[in-house]
C-alpha cells in the first residue's frame, strides 16, 4: 500500500464497508498491495486483477477500488490532523 497502516485494521474496515468475508478481503488486500494505488494507469490493472483473482464483477471491482481509496485517504487525513496520535 501507499502508506503504513495496520493490515488487520485495514482488512476489518474493508470487510465492514464491502460486506465481504475477511478471507475475501485478505485476497483483495494482497491484490492491492501489488500496485501503487494512486497511479491512474494502475486502476485498470487493479480492477482486472480483482475481477480475475477475487472473482468480482466489473462493477463490484470498481466499487471495491473506490472503497479502498476512500479508506486509505481517510486514514491519511486522520494522520495529518493528528500527527502525534498513537499509530496502534
PDB file of N, CA and C in Angstrom:
ATOM      1  N   UNK A   1       0.818  -1.182   0.000  1.00  0.00           N
ATOM      2  CA  UNK A   1       0.000   0.000   0.000  1.00  0.00           C
ATOM      3  C   UNK A   1       0.859   1.241   0.000  1.00  0.00           C
ATOM      4  N   UNK A   2       0.237   2.339  -0.225  1.00  0.00           N
ATOM      5  CA  UNK A   2       0.960   3.600  -0.333  1.00  0.00           C
ATOM      6  C   UNK A   2       1.360   4.152   1.025  1.00  0.00           C
ATOM      7  N   UNK A   3       0.822   3.644   2.094  1.00  0.00           N
ATOM      8  CA  UNK A   3       1.113   4.197   3.405  1.00  0.00           C
ATOM      9  C   UNK A   3       1.218   3.086   4.437  1.00  0.00           C
ATOM     10  N   UNK A   4       1.757   3.416   5.587  1.00  0.00           N
ATOM     11  CA  UNK A   4       1.877   2.444   6.666  1.00  0.00           C
ATOM     12  C   UNK A   4       0.557   2.407   7.419  1.00  0.00           C
ATOM     13  N   UNK A   5      -0.098   1.271   7.389  1.00  0.00           N
ATOM     14  CA  UNK A   5      -1.376   1.102   8.073  1.00  0.00           C
ATOM     15  C   UNK A   5      -1.434  -0.332   8.571  1.00  0.00           C
ATOM     16  N   UNK A   6      -1.975  -0.501   9.731  1.00  0.00           N
ATOM     17  CA  UNK A   6      -2.135  -1.824  10.282  1.00  0.00           C
ATOM     18  C   UNK A   6      -2.979  -2.655   9.327  1.00  0.00           C
ATOM     19  N   UNK A   7      -2.410  -3.781   8.882  1.00  0.00           N
ATOM     20  CA  UNK A   7      -3.070  -4.618   7.880  1.00  0.00           C
ATOM     21  C   UNK A   7      -4.399  -5.166   8.384  1.00  0.00           C
ATOM     22  N   UNK A   8      -4.425  -5.656   9.602  1.00  0.00           N
ATOM     23  CA  UNK A   8      -5.668  -6.225  10.127  1.00  0.00           C
ATOM     24  C   UNK A   8      -6.743  -5.155  10.293  1.00  0.00           C
ATOM     25  N   UNK A   9      -6.328  -3.942  10.645  1.00  0.00           N
ATOM     26  CA  UNK A   9      -7.273  -2.831  10.761  1.00  0.00           C
ATOM     27  C   UNK A   9      -7.857  -2.490   9.389  1.00  0.00           C
ATOM     28  N   UNK A  10      -7.002  -2.459   8.380  1.00  0.00           N
ATOM     29  CA  UNK A  10      -7.459  -2.180   7.017  1.00  0.00           C
ATOM     30  C   UNK A  10      -8.417  -3.270   6.540  1.00  0.00           C
ATOM     31  N   UNK A  11      -8.070  -4.513   6.772  1.00  0.00           N
ATOM     32  CA  UNK A  11      -8.906  -5.636   6.324  1.00  0.00           C
ATOM     33  C   UNK A  11     -10.255  -5.611   7.028  1.00  0.00           C
ATOM     34  N   UNK A  12     -10.282  -5.300   8.307  1.00  0.00           N
ATOM     35  CA  UNK A  12     -11.560  -5.253   9.013  1.00  0.00           C
ATOM     36  C   UNK A  12     -12.420  -4.082   8.525  1.00  0.00           C
ATOM     37  N   UNK A  13     -11.793  -2.936   8.240  1.00  0.00           N
ATOM     38  CA  UNK A  13     -12.540  -1.805   7.689  1.00  0.00           C
ATOM     39  C   UNK A  13     -13.086  -2.150   6.306  1.00  0.00           C
ATOM     40  N   UNK A  14     -12.270  -2.812   5.493  1.00  0.00           N
ATOM     41  CA  UNK A  14     -12.690  -3.208   4.151  1.00  0.00           C
ATOM     42  C   UNK A  14     -13.841  -4.200   4.223  1.00  0.00           C
ATOM     43  N   UNK A  15     -13.755  -5.143   5.135  1.00  0.00           N
ATOM     44  CA  UNK A  15     -14.823  -6.127   5.317  1.00  0.00           C
ATOM     45  C   UNK A  15     -16.117  -5.459   5.754  1.00  0.00           C
ATOM     46  N   UNK A  16     -15.994  -4.518   6.665  1.00  0.00           N
ATOM     47  CA  UNK A  16     -17.167  -3.806   7.171  1.00  0.00           C
ATOM     48  C   UNK A  16     -17.837  -2.984   6.069  1.00  0.00           C
ATOM     49  N   UNK A  17     -17.024  -2.299   5.259  1.00  0.00           N
ATOM     50  CA  UNK A  17     -17.591  -1.418   4.235  1.00  0.00           C
ATOM     51  C   UNK A  17     -18.065  -2.156   2.985  1.00  0.00           C
ATOM     52  N   UNK A  18     -17.483  -3.316   2.690  1.00  0.00           N
ATOM     53  CA  UNK A  18     -17.892  -4.050   1.491  1.00  0.00           C
ATOM     54  C   UNK A  18     -18.909  -5.140   1.794  1.00  0.00           C
ATOM     55  N   UNK A  19     -18.891  -5.639   3.021  1.00  0.00           N
ATOM     56  CA  UNK A  19     -19.766  -6.749   3.367  1.00  0.00           C
ATOM     57  C   UNK A  19     -19.178  -8.102   2.995  1.00  0.00           C
ATOM     58  N   UNK A  20     -17.937  -8.119   2.531  1.00  0.00           N
ATOM     59  CA  UNK A  20     -17.274  -9.372   2.166  1.00  0.00           C
ATOM     60  C   UNK A  20     -16.647 -10.010   3.401  1.00  0.00           C
ATOM     61  N   UNK A  21     -16.397 -11.309   3.310  1.00  0.00           N
ATOM     62  CA  UNK A  21     -15.755 -12.035   4.412  1.00  0.00           C
ATOM     63  C   UNK A  21     -14.311 -11.564   4.558  1.00  0.00           C
ATOM     64  N   UNK A  22     -13.738 -11.838   5.712  1.00  0.00           N
ATOM     65  CA  UNK A  22     -12.344 -11.455   5.943  1.00  0.00           C
ATOM     66  C   UNK A  22     -11.409 -12.160   4.978  1.00  0.00           C
ATOM     67  N   UNK A  23     -11.717 -13.410   4.631  1.00  0.00           N
ATOM     68  CA  UNK A  23     -10.867 -14.165   3.704  1.00  0.00           C
ATOM     69  C   UNK A  23     -10.818 -13.474   2.337  1.00  0.00           C
ATOM     70  N   UNK A  24     -11.969 -13.025   1.861  1.00  0.00           N
ATOM     71  CA  UNK A  24     -12.020 -12.336   0.572  1.00  0.00           C
ATOM     72  C   UNK A  24     -11.302 -10.994   0.671  1.00  0.00           C
ATOM     73  N   UNK A  25     -11.432 -10.319   1.802  1.00  0.00           N
ATOM     74  CA  UNK A  25     -10.762  -9.028   1.993  1.00  0.00           C
ATOM     75  C   UNK A  25      -9.247  -9.197   2.091  1.00  0.00           C
ATOM     76  N   UNK A  26      -8.795 -10.308   2.620  1.00  0.00           N
ATOM     77  CA  UNK A  26      -7.355 -10.592   2.643  1.00  0.00           C
ATOM     78  C   UNK A  26      -6.846 -10.743   1.216  1.00  0.00           C
ATOM     79  N   UNK A  27      -7.601 -11.454   0.386  1.00  0.00           N
ATOM     80  CA  UNK A  27      -7.248 -11.621  -1.021  1.00  0.00           C
ATOM     81  C   UNK A  27      -7.235 -10.263  -1.730  1.00  0.00           C
ATOM     82  N   UNK A  28      -8.243  -9.442  -1.474  1.00  0.00           N
ATOM     83  CA  UNK A  28      -8.302  -8.100  -2.068  1.00  0.00           C
ATOM     84  C   UNK A  28      -7.104  -7.280  -1.623  1.00  0.00           C
ATOM     85  N   UNK A  29      -6.754  -7.345  -0.351  1.00  0.00           N
ATOM     86  CA  UNK A  29      -5.602  -6.622   0.169  1.00  0.00           C
ATOM     87  C   UNK A  29      -4.321  -7.071  -0.524  1.00  0.00           C
ATOM     88  N   UNK A  30      -4.163  -8.371  -0.726  1.00  0.00           N
ATOM     89  CA  UNK A  30      -2.974  -8.881  -1.414  1.00  0.00           C
ATOM     90  C   UNK A  30      -2.881  -8.329  -2.833  1.00  0.00           C
ATOM     91  N   UNK A  31      -4.005  -8.229  -3.509  1.00  0.00           N
ATOM     92  CA  UNK A  31      -4.028  -7.671  -4.865  1.00  0.00           C
ATOM     93  C   UNK A  31      -3.642  -6.195  -4.828  1.00  0.00           C
ATOM     94  N   UNK A  32      -4.231  -5.455  -3.906  1.00  0.00           N
ATOM     95  CA  UNK A  32      -3.977  -4.015  -3.793  1.00  0.00           C
ATOM     96  C   UNK A  32      -2.506  -3.741  -3.480  1.00  0.00           C
ATOM     97  N   UNK A  33      -1.903  -4.557  -2.649  1.00  0.00           N
ATOM     98  CA  UNK A  33      -0.514  -4.336  -2.249  1.00  0.00           C
ATOM     99  C   UNK A  33       0.472  -4.524  -3.394  1.00  0.00           C
ATOM    100  N   UNK A  34       0.062  -5.159  -4.471  1.00  0.00           N
ATOM    101  CA  UNK A  34       0.950  -5.368  -5.614  1.00  0.00           C
ATOM    102  C   UNK A  34       1.126  -4.122  -6.471  1.00  0.00           C
ATOM    103  N   UNK A  35       0.355  -3.087  -6.210  1.00  0.00           N
ATOM    104  CA  UNK A  35       0.373  -1.890  -7.050  1.00  0.00           C
ATOM    105  C   UNK A  35       0.498  -0.633  -6.194  1.00  0.00           C
ATOM    106  N   UNK A  36       1.010   0.422  -6.818  1.00  0.00           N
ATOM    107  CA  UNK A  36       0.943   1.750  -6.206  1.00  0.00           C
ATOM    108  C   UNK A  36      -0.431   2.277  -6.579  1.00  0.00           C
ATOM    109  N   UNK A  37      -1.294   2.371  -5.611  1.00  0.00           N
ATOM    110  CA  UNK A  37      -2.725   2.556  -5.854  1.00  0.00           C
ATOM    111  C   UNK A  37      -3.091   3.926  -6.401  1.00  0.00           C
ATOM    112  N   UNK A  38      -2.255   4.932  -6.197  1.00  0.00           N
ATOM    113  CA  UNK A  38      -2.625   6.285  -6.610  1.00  0.00           C
ATOM    114  C   UNK A  38      -2.166   6.647  -8.022  1.00  0.00           C
ATOM    115  N   UNK A  39      -1.724   5.672  -8.794  1.00  0.00           N
ATOM    116  CA  UNK A  39      -1.368   5.907 -10.189  1.00  0.00           C
ATOM    117  C   UNK A  39      -2.566   5.502 -11.039  1.00  0.00           C
ATOM    118  N   UNK A  40      -3.006   6.432 -11.886  1.00  0.00           N
ATOM    119  CA  UNK A  40      -4.236   6.229 -12.654  1.00  0.00           C
ATOM    120  C   UNK A  40      -4.179   4.978 -13.537  1.00  0.00           C
ATOM    121  N   UNK A  41      -3.043   4.713 -14.167  1.00  0.00           N
ATOM    122  CA  UNK A  41      -2.968   3.550 -15.057  1.00  0.00           C
ATOM    123  C   UNK A  41      -3.037   2.231 -14.278  1.00  0.00           C
ATOM    124  N   UNK A  42      -2.704   2.253 -13.003  1.00  0.00           N
ATOM    125  CA  UNK A  42      -2.802   1.040 -12.196  1.00  0.00           C
ATOM    126  C   UNK A  42      -4.245   0.707 -11.828  1.00  0.00           C
ATOM    127  N   UNK A  43      -5.130   1.687 -11.889  1.00  0.00           N
ATOM    128  CA  UNK A  43      -6.533   1.446 -11.552  1.00  0.00           C
ATOM    129  C   UNK A  43      -7.109   0.349 -12.437  1.00  0.00           C
ATOM    130  N   UNK A  44      -6.826   0.409 -13.722  1.00  0.00           N
ATOM    131  CA  UNK A  44      -7.335  -0.595 -14.663  1.00  0.00           C
ATOM    132  C   UNK A  44      -6.759  -1.967 -14.336  1.00  0.00           C
ATOM    133  N   UNK A  45      -5.463  -2.009 -14.025  1.00  0.00           N
ATOM    134  CA  UNK A  45      -4.820  -3.285 -13.690  1.00  0.00           C
ATOM    135  C   UNK A  45      -5.399  -3.866 -12.406  1.00  0.00           C
ATOM    136  N   UNK A  46      -5.617  -3.013 -11.417  1.00  0.00           N
ATOM    137  CA  UNK A  46      -6.173  -3.467 -10.141  1.00  0.00           C
ATOM    138  C   UNK A  46      -7.578  -4.016 -10.339  1.00  0.00           C
ATOM    139  N   UNK A  47      -8.394  -3.297 -11.092  1.00  0.00           N
ATOM    140  CA  UNK A  47      -9.771  -3.743 -11.334  1.00  0.00           C
ATOM    141  C   UNK A  47      -9.777  -5.072 -12.077  1.00  0.00           C
ATOM    142  N   UNK A  48      -8.893  -5.233 -13.064  1.00  0.00           N
ATOM    143  CA  UNK A  48      -8.799  -6.513 -13.791  1.00  0.00           C
ATOM    144  C   UNK A  48      -8.408  -7.644 -12.849  1.00  0.00           C
ATOM    145  N   UNK A  49      -7.406  -7.389 -11.991  1.00  0.00           N
ATOM    146  CA  UNK A  49      -6.978  -8.408 -11.031  1.00  0.00           C
ATOM    147  C   UNK A  49      -8.098  -8.754 -10.048  1.00  0.00           C
ATOM    148  N   UNK A  50      -8.831  -7.756  -9.608  1.00  0.00           N
ATOM    149  CA  UNK A  50      -9.946  -8.015  -8.696  1.00  0.00           C
ATOM    150  C   UNK A  50     -11.009  -8.877  -9.378  1.00  0.00           C
ATOM    151  N   UNK A  51     -11.229  -8.647 -10.665  1.00  0.00           N
ATOM    152  CA  UNK A  51     -12.206  -9.446 -11.396  1.00  0.00           C
ATOM    153  C   UNK A  51     -11.736 -10.892 -11.524  1.00  0.00           C
ATOM    154  N   UNK A  52     -10.472 -11.077 -11.865  1.00  0.00           N
ATOM    155  CA  UNK A  52      -9.954 -12.414 -12.124  1.00  0.00           C
ATOM    156  C   UNK A  52      -9.664 -13.177 -10.825  1.00  0.00           C
ATOM    157  N   UNK A  53      -8.856 -12.590  -9.967  1.00  0.00           N
ATOM    158  CA  UNK A  53      -8.387 -13.302  -8.774  1.00  0.00           C
ATOM    159  C   UNK A  53      -9.418 -13.346  -7.649  1.00  0.00           C
ATOM    160  N   UNK A  54     -10.216 -12.285  -7.514  1.00  0.00           N
ATOM    161  CA  UNK A  54     -11.210 -12.251  -6.434  1.00  0.00           C
ATOM    162  C   UNK A  54     -12.613 -12.573  -6.951  1.00  0.00           C
ATOM    163  N   UNK A  55     -12.709 -12.900  -8.227  1.00  0.00           N
ATOM    164  CA  UNK A  55     -13.975 -13.252  -8.887  1.00  0.00           C
ATOM    165  C   UNK A  55     -15.090 -12.239  -8.603  1.00  0.00           C
ATOM    166  N   UNK A  56     -14.781 -10.981  -8.896  1.00  0.00           N
ATOM    167  CA  UNK A  56     -15.760  -9.912  -8.744  1.00  0.00           C
ATOM    168  C   UNK A  56     -16.212  -9.459 -10.126  1.00  0.00           C
ATOM    169  N   UNK A  57     -17.429  -8.965 -10.204  1.00  0.00           N
ATOM    170  CA  UNK A  57     -17.890  -8.370 -11.457  1.00  0.00           C
ATOM    171  C   UNK A  57     -17.155  -7.048 -11.653  1.00  0.00           C
ATOM    172  N   UNK A  58     -17.243  -6.481 -12.840  1.00  0.00           N
ATOM    173  CA  UNK A  58     -16.553  -5.224 -13.104  1.00  0.00           C
ATOM    174  C   UNK A  58     -17.066  -4.113 -12.194  1.00  0.00           C
ATOM    175  N   UNK A  59     -18.388  -4.053 -12.011  1.00  0.00           N
ATOM    176  CA  UNK A  59     -18.960  -3.026 -11.131  1.00  0.00           C
ATOM    177  C   UNK A  59     -18.512  -3.219  -9.687  1.00  0.00           C
ATOM    178  N   UNK A  60     -18.522  -4.468  -9.214  1.00  0.00           N
ATOM    179  CA  UNK A  60     -18.081  -4.741  -7.845  1.00  0.00           C
ATOM    180  C   UNK A  60     -16.602  -4.410  -7.666  1.00  0.00           C
ATOM    181  N   UNK A  61     -15.797  -4.738  -8.664  1.00  0.00           N
ATOM    182  CA  UNK A  61     -14.362  -4.451  -8.596  1.00  0.00           C
ATOM    183  C   UNK A  61     -14.119  -2.940  -8.532  1.00  0.00           C
ATOM    184  N   UNK A  62     -14.866  -2.174  -9.317  1.00  0.00           N
ATOM    185  CA  UNK A  62     -14.729  -0.720  -9.271  1.00  0.00           C
ATOM    186  C   UNK A  62     -15.184  -0.162  -7.927  1.00  0.00           C
ATOM    187  N   UNK A  63     -16.263  -0.725  -7.386  1.00  0.00           N
ATOM    188  CA  UNK A  63     -16.735  -0.289  -6.063  1.00  0.00           C
ATOM    189  C   UNK A  63     -15.697  -0.591  -4.994  1.00  0.00           C
ATOM    190  N   UNK A  64     -15.105  -1.768  -5.039  1.00  0.00           N
ATOM    191  CA  UNK A  64     -14.074  -2.138  -4.064  1.00  0.00           C
ATOM    192  C   UNK A  64     -12.886  -1.197  -4.193  1.00  0.00           C
ATOM    193  N   UNK A  65     -12.477  -0.900  -5.414  1.00  0.00           N
ATOM    194  CA  UNK A  65     -11.367   0.034  -5.633  1.00  0.00           C
ATOM    195  C   UNK A  65     -11.683   1.392  -5.003  1.00  0.00           C
ATOM    196  N   UNK A  66     -12.891   1.887  -5.241  1.00  0.00           N
ATOM    197  CA  UNK A  66     -13.291   3.179  -4.670  1.00  0.00           C
ATOM    198  C   UNK A  66     -13.305   3.141  -3.143  1.00  0.00           C
ATOM    199  N   UNK A  67     -13.763   2.038  -2.577  1.00  0.00           N
ATOM    200  CA  UNK A  67     -13.780   1.890  -1.119  1.00  0.00           C
ATOM    201  C   UNK A  67     -12.360   1.876  -0.570  1.00  0.00           C
ATOM    202  N   UNK A  68     -11.458   1.163  -1.235  1.00  0.00           N
ATOM    203  CA  UNK A  68     -10.062   1.104  -0.797  1.00  0.00           C
ATOM    204  C   UNK A  68      -9.449   2.505  -0.808  1.00  0.00           C
ATOM    205  N   UNK A  69      -9.668   3.243  -1.884  1.00  0.00           N
ATOM    206  CA  UNK A  69      -9.154   4.614  -1.973  1.00  0.00           C
ATOM    207  C   UNK A  69      -9.720   5.465  -0.839  1.00  0.00           C
ATOM    208  N   UNK A  70     -11.003   5.326  -0.585  1.00  0.00           N
ATOM    209  CA  UNK A  70     -11.656   6.113   0.470  1.00  0.00           C
ATOM    210  C   UNK A  70     -11.073   5.769   1.845  1.00  0.00           C
ATOM    211  N   UNK A  71     -10.855   4.492   2.127  1.00  0.00           N
ATOM    212  CA  UNK A  71     -10.290   4.082   3.421  1.00  0.00           C
ATOM    213  C   UNK A  71      -8.883   4.650   3.583  1.00  0.00           C
ATOM    214  N   UNK A  72      -8.067   4.532   2.546  1.00  0.00           N
ATOM    215  CA  UNK A  72      -6.680   4.989   2.637  1.00  0.00           C
ATOM    216  C   UNK A  72      -6.607   6.507   2.767  1.00  0.00           C
ATOM    217  N   UNK A  73      -7.387   7.231   1.967  1.00  0.00           N
ATOM    218  CA  UNK A  73      -7.328   8.696   2.062  1.00  0.00           C
ATOM    219  C   UNK A  73      -7.872   9.193   3.392  1.00  0.00           C
ATOM    220  N   UNK A  74      -8.892   8.529   3.910  1.00  0.00           N
ATOM    221  CA  UNK A  74      -9.427   8.908   5.223  1.00  0.00           C
ATOM    222  C   UNK A  74      -8.359   8.709   6.296  1.00  0.00           C
ATOM    223  N   UNK A  75      -7.640   7.609   6.216  1.00  0.00           N
ATOM    224  CA  UNK A  75      -6.584   7.322   7.187  1.00  0.00           C
ATOM    225  C   UNK A  75      -5.450   8.344   7.061  1.00  0.00           C
ATOM    226  N   UNK A  76      -5.120   8.719   5.837  1.00  0.00           N
ATOM    227  CA  UNK A  76      -4.070   9.726   5.632  1.00  0.00           C
ATOM    228  C   UNK A  76      -4.487  11.066   6.216  1.00  0.00           C
ATOM    229  N   UNK A  77      -5.732  11.452   6.000  1.00  0.00           N
ATOM    230  CA  UNK A  77      -6.230  12.721   6.552  1.00  0.00           C
ATOM    231  C   UNK A  77      -6.182  12.699   8.074  1.00  0.00           C
ATOM    232  N   UNK A  78      -6.556  11.581   8.669  1.00  0.00           N
ATOM    233  CA  UNK A  78      -6.507  11.471  10.132  1.00  0.00           C
ATOM    234  C   UNK A  78      -5.082  11.629  10.646  1.00  0.00           C
ATOM    235  N   UNK A  79      -4.125  11.031   9.933  1.00  0.00           N
ATOM    236  CA  UNK A  79      -2.738  11.128  10.367  1.00  0.00           C
ATOM    237  C   UNK A  79      -2.201  12.544  10.203  1.00  0.00           C
ATOM    238  N   UNK A  80      -2.691  13.267   9.201  1.00  0.00           N
ATOM    239  CA  UNK A  80      -2.270  14.659   9.030  1.00  0.00           C
ATOM    240  C   UNK A  80      -2.869  15.558  10.103  1.00  0.00           C
ATOM    241  N   UNK A  81      -4.102  15.275  10.486  1.00  0.00           N
ATOM    242  CA  UNK A  81      -4.755  16.077  11.525  1.00  0.00           C
ATOM    243  C   UNK A  81      -4.179  15.792  12.898  1.00  0.00           C
ATOM    244  N   UNK A  82      -3.778  14.561  13.129  1.00  0.00           N
ATOM    245  CA  UNK A  82      -3.286  14.125  14.439  1.00  0.00           C
ATOM    246  C   UNK A  82      -1.932  13.425  14.274  1.00  0.00           C
ATOM    247  N   UNK A  83      -0.876  14.165  13.946  1.00  0.00           N
ATOM    248  CA  UNK A  83       0.405  13.520  13.636  1.00  0.00           C
ATOM    249  C   UNK A  83       1.059  12.819  14.823  1.00  0.00           C
ATOM    250  N   UNK A  84       0.742  13.206  16.036  1.00  0.00           N
ATOM    251  CA  UNK A  84       1.388  12.603  17.194  1.00  0.00           C
ATOM    252  C   UNK A  84       0.515  11.588  17.898  1.00  0.00           C
ATOM    253  N   UNK A  85      -0.625  11.293  17.313  1.00  0.00           N
ATOM    254  CA  UNK A  85      -1.521  10.287  17.876  1.00  0.00           C
ATOM    255  C   UNK A  85      -0.866   8.906  17.720  1.00  0.00           C
ATOM    256  N   UNK A  86      -1.122   8.036  18.651  1.00  0.00           N
ATOM    257  CA  UNK A  86      -0.562   6.694  18.603  1.00  0.00           C
ATOM    258  C   UNK A  86      -0.937   6.006  17.294  1.00  0.00           C
ATOM    259  N   UNK A  87      -0.006   5.301  16.705  1.00  0.00           N
ATOM    260  CA  UNK A  87      -0.228   4.613  15.442  1.00  0.00           C
ATOM    261  C   UNK A  87      -0.757   3.195  15.641  1.00  0.00           C
ATOM    262  N   UNK A  88      -1.110   2.821  16.837  1.00  0.00           N
ATOM    263  CA  UNK A  88      -1.595   1.456  17.130  1.00  0.00           C
ATOM    264  C   UNK A  88      -2.985   1.239  16.624  1.00  0.00           C
TER     265      UNK A  88
END
